[in-house]
Amino acid sequence: METKQANLKATVVATSPVGAGNTPLRASKSNSHLLRGAAAELLAEKFLAKRGLRIIARNFRVKGGEIDLICADGNTTVFVEVRLREGGGFGGAAASITSHKQRRLILAARHWLLRNGECPCRFDCVLLDGLDTAKIEWLRGAFSAD
């Protein structure tokens, strides 16, 4: 397990580019929830890439909001929230994307669009029940900015 966490840590830092609001995730062993979150984002990224989306950015942060993944699906920019939950307690992963969280995602998306140009966009969610690739749910157009 120790080796897997060390390998995951190296992978997370190596695959998170710096620039334009992106910073690499540097998680210590004591922050296992950060490592699990980063692993979930990597699984989601691979899942979406296999379905034809191109990853543009990871962990785009602005004051008041963050977007886990920003992808291109043809000419549409896709803002992706990745949620990892162990089991269905408290409503599962989908229930954790509250209206408050949606507003924070919309705020960050508006900043992205101001910096990179207006274009068609949507908000997707990738829900994981544990770090199991067989238990990934993709909600295309999960919510709107309207």
Protein backbone atom coordinates (compact mmCIF):
# COMPACT_ATOMS: atom_id res chain seq x y z
CA MET A 1 0.00 0.00 0.00
CA GLU A 2 2.85 2.37 0.87
CA THR A 3 4.36 1.90 -2.61
CA LYS A 4 1.00 2.45 -4.33
CA GLN A 5 0.49 5.75 -2.46
CA ALA A 6 4.01 6.89 -3.34
CA ASN A 7 3.44 6.00 -7.01
CA LEU A 8 0.06 7.75 -6.98
CA LYS A 9 1.63 10.85 -5.45
CA ALA A 10 4.26 10.98 -8.20
CA THR A 11 1.61 10.44 -10.88
CA VAL A 12 -0.61 13.21 -9.53
CA VAL A 13 2.18 15.78 -9.48
CA ALA A 14 3.40 14.75 -12.93
CA THR A 15 -0.02 14.95 -14.61
CA SER A 16 -1.20 18.26 -13.15
CA PRO A 17 0.19 21.06 -15.34
CA VAL A 18 1.00 24.46 -13.86
CA GLY A 19 -0.22 27.64 -15.50
CA ALA A 20 -3.32 29.77 -16.12
CA GLY A 21 -4.84 28.99 -12.75
CA ASN A 22 -3.64 25.41 -12.52
CA THR A 23 -1.40 24.22 -9.70
CA PRO A 24 -0.10 20.73 -9.13
CA LEU A 25 -1.61 18.79 -6.26
CA ARG A 26 1.05 17.98 -3.71
CA ALA A 27 -0.48 15.64 -1.17
CA SER A 28 1.38 14.18 1.76
CA LYS A 29 0.81 10.66 3.00
CA SER A 30 -1.18 12.09 5.90
CA ASN A 31 -3.66 13.59 3.43
CA SER A 32 -5.03 10.33 2.09
CA HIS A 33 -8.32 12.02 1.15
CA LEU A 34 -6.38 14.29 -1.23
CA LEU A 35 -4.66 11.28 -2.76
CA ARG A 36 -7.99 9.50 -3.19
CA GLY A 37 -9.51 12.63 -4.75
CA ALA A 38 -6.59 12.93 -7.14
CA ALA A 39 -6.89 9.26 -8.04
CA ALA A 40 -10.62 9.75 -8.72
CA GLU A 41 -9.83 12.70 -11.00
CA LEU A 42 -7.29 10.59 -12.91
CA LEU A 43 -9.85 7.80 -13.34
CA ALA A 44 -12.43 10.32 -14.54
CA GLU A 45 -9.93 11.85 -16.95
CA LYS A 46 -9.12 8.47 -18.50
CA PHE A 47 -12.81 7.57 -18.62
CA LEU A 48 -13.69 10.78 -20.49
CA ALA A 49 -10.69 10.56 -22.83
CA LYS A 50 -11.75 7.03 -23.86
CA ARG A 51 -15.12 8.53 -24.80
CA GLY A 52 -13.60 11.15 -27.08
CA LEU A 53 -13.20 14.19 -24.82
CA ARG A 54 -9.89 16.06 -24.90
CA ILE A 55 -8.54 17.28 -21.55
CA ILE A 56 -7.74 21.02 -21.65
CA ALA A 57 -7.00 21.74 -17.98
CA ARG A 58 -7.04 20.22 -14.52
CA ASN A 59 -7.90 21.84 -11.21
CA PHE A 60 -8.63 25.32 -12.56
CA ARG A 61 -8.92 27.58 -9.51
CA VAL A 62 -10.16 31.11 -8.96
CA LYS A 63 -11.21 32.87 -5.81
CA GLY A 64 -14.53 31.30 -4.90
CA GLY A 65 -14.44 28.25 -7.15
CA GLU A 66 -12.58 25.36 -8.71
CA ILE A 67 -13.20 23.07 -11.67
CA ASP A 68 -11.71 19.59 -11.52
CA LEU A 69 -11.43 19.02 -15.28
CA ILE A 70 -12.01 21.18 -18.32
CA CYS A 71 -12.46 19.23 -21.54
CA ALA A 72 -13.29 19.77 -25.17
CA ASP A 73 -16.10 17.75 -26.73
CA GLY A 74 -15.98 18.89 -30.34
CA ASN A 75 -16.50 22.66 -30.21
CA THR A 76 -18.08 22.50 -26.73
CA THR A 77 -16.12 23.27 -23.57
CA VAL A 78 -17.08 20.84 -20.82
CA PHE A 79 -16.61 21.79 -17.17
CA VAL A 80 -16.41 18.58 -15.15
CA GLU A 81 -16.95 18.06 -11.44
CA VAL A 82 -15.59 14.75 -10.16
CA ARG A 83 -17.17 13.27 -7.04
CA LEU A 84 -15.92 10.25 -5.13
CA ARG A 85 -18.09 8.64 -2.49
CA GLU A 86 -17.77 5.36 -0.66
CA GLY A 87 -21.26 3.90 -0.67
CA GLY A 88 -24.58 5.70 -0.82
CA GLY A 89 -24.59 7.31 2.61
CA PHE A 90 -25.77 10.92 2.71
CA GLY A 91 -27.30 10.51 -0.74
CA GLY A 92 -24.19 9.41 -2.62
CA ALA A 93 -21.94 11.41 -4.91
CA ALA A 94 -24.70 13.13 -6.92
CA ALA A 95 -26.38 14.54 -3.81
CA SER A 96 -23.11 16.19 -2.77
CA ILE A 97 -23.28 18.59 -5.74
CA THR A 98 -25.48 21.15 -4.03
CA SER A 99 -26.78 24.41 -5.51
CA HIS A 100 -23.99 26.18 -3.60
CA LYS A 101 -21.37 23.94 -5.25
CA GLN A 102 -23.00 24.53 -8.63
CA ARG A 103 -22.72 28.32 -8.15
CA ARG A 104 -19.01 27.94 -7.34
CA LEU A 105 -18.48 25.86 -10.49
CA ILE A 106 -20.39 28.39 -12.59
CA LEU A 107 -18.27 31.22 -11.16
CA ALA A 108 -15.05 29.43 -12.07
CA ALA A 109 -16.41 28.57 -15.54
CA ARG A 110 -17.22 32.23 -16.18
CA HIS A 111 -13.63 33.14 -15.31
CA TRP A 112 -12.36 30.44 -17.66
CA LEU A 113 -14.56 31.71 -20.50
CA LEU A 114 -13.48 35.32 -19.92
CA ARG A 115 -9.83 34.27 -20.18
CA ASN A 116 -10.23 31.85 -23.07
CA GLY A 117 -13.14 33.19 -25.09
CA GLU A 118 -16.86 32.54 -25.11
CA CYS A 119 -17.97 29.26 -26.65
CA PRO A 120 -20.70 26.67 -26.23
CA CYS A 121 -20.28 24.92 -22.89
CA ARG A 122 -21.91 22.50 -20.50
CA PHE A 123 -21.47 21.18 -16.98
CA ASP A 124 -20.91 17.45 -16.55
CA CYS A 125 -20.37 15.37 -13.43
CA VAL A 126 -18.42 12.16 -13.12
CA LEU A 127 -19.54 10.18 -10.09
CA LEU A 128 -17.43 7.39 -8.64
CA ASP A 129 -18.49 4.85 -6.05
CA GLY A 130 -15.03 4.07 -4.73
CA LEU A 131 -12.01 3.89 -6.98
CA ASP A 132 -13.62 1.24 -9.16
CA THR A 133 -13.71 1.85 -12.92
CA ALA A 134 -16.81 -0.35 -13.16
CA LYS A 135 -18.69 2.07 -10.90
CA ILE A 136 -18.35 5.34 -12.82
CA GLU A 137 -21.42 7.34 -13.77
CA TRP A 138 -21.20 10.22 -16.27
CA LEU A 139 -23.90 12.85 -16.07
CA ARG A 140 -23.72 14.90 -19.27
CA GLY A 141 -25.34 18.31 -18.87
CA ALA A 142 -25.83 17.68 -15.14
CA PHE A 143 -26.91 21.29 -14.55
CA SER A 144 -26.93 24.63 -16.37
CA ALA A 145 -25.74 28.14 -15.61
CA ASP A 146 -29.22 29.60 -16.19
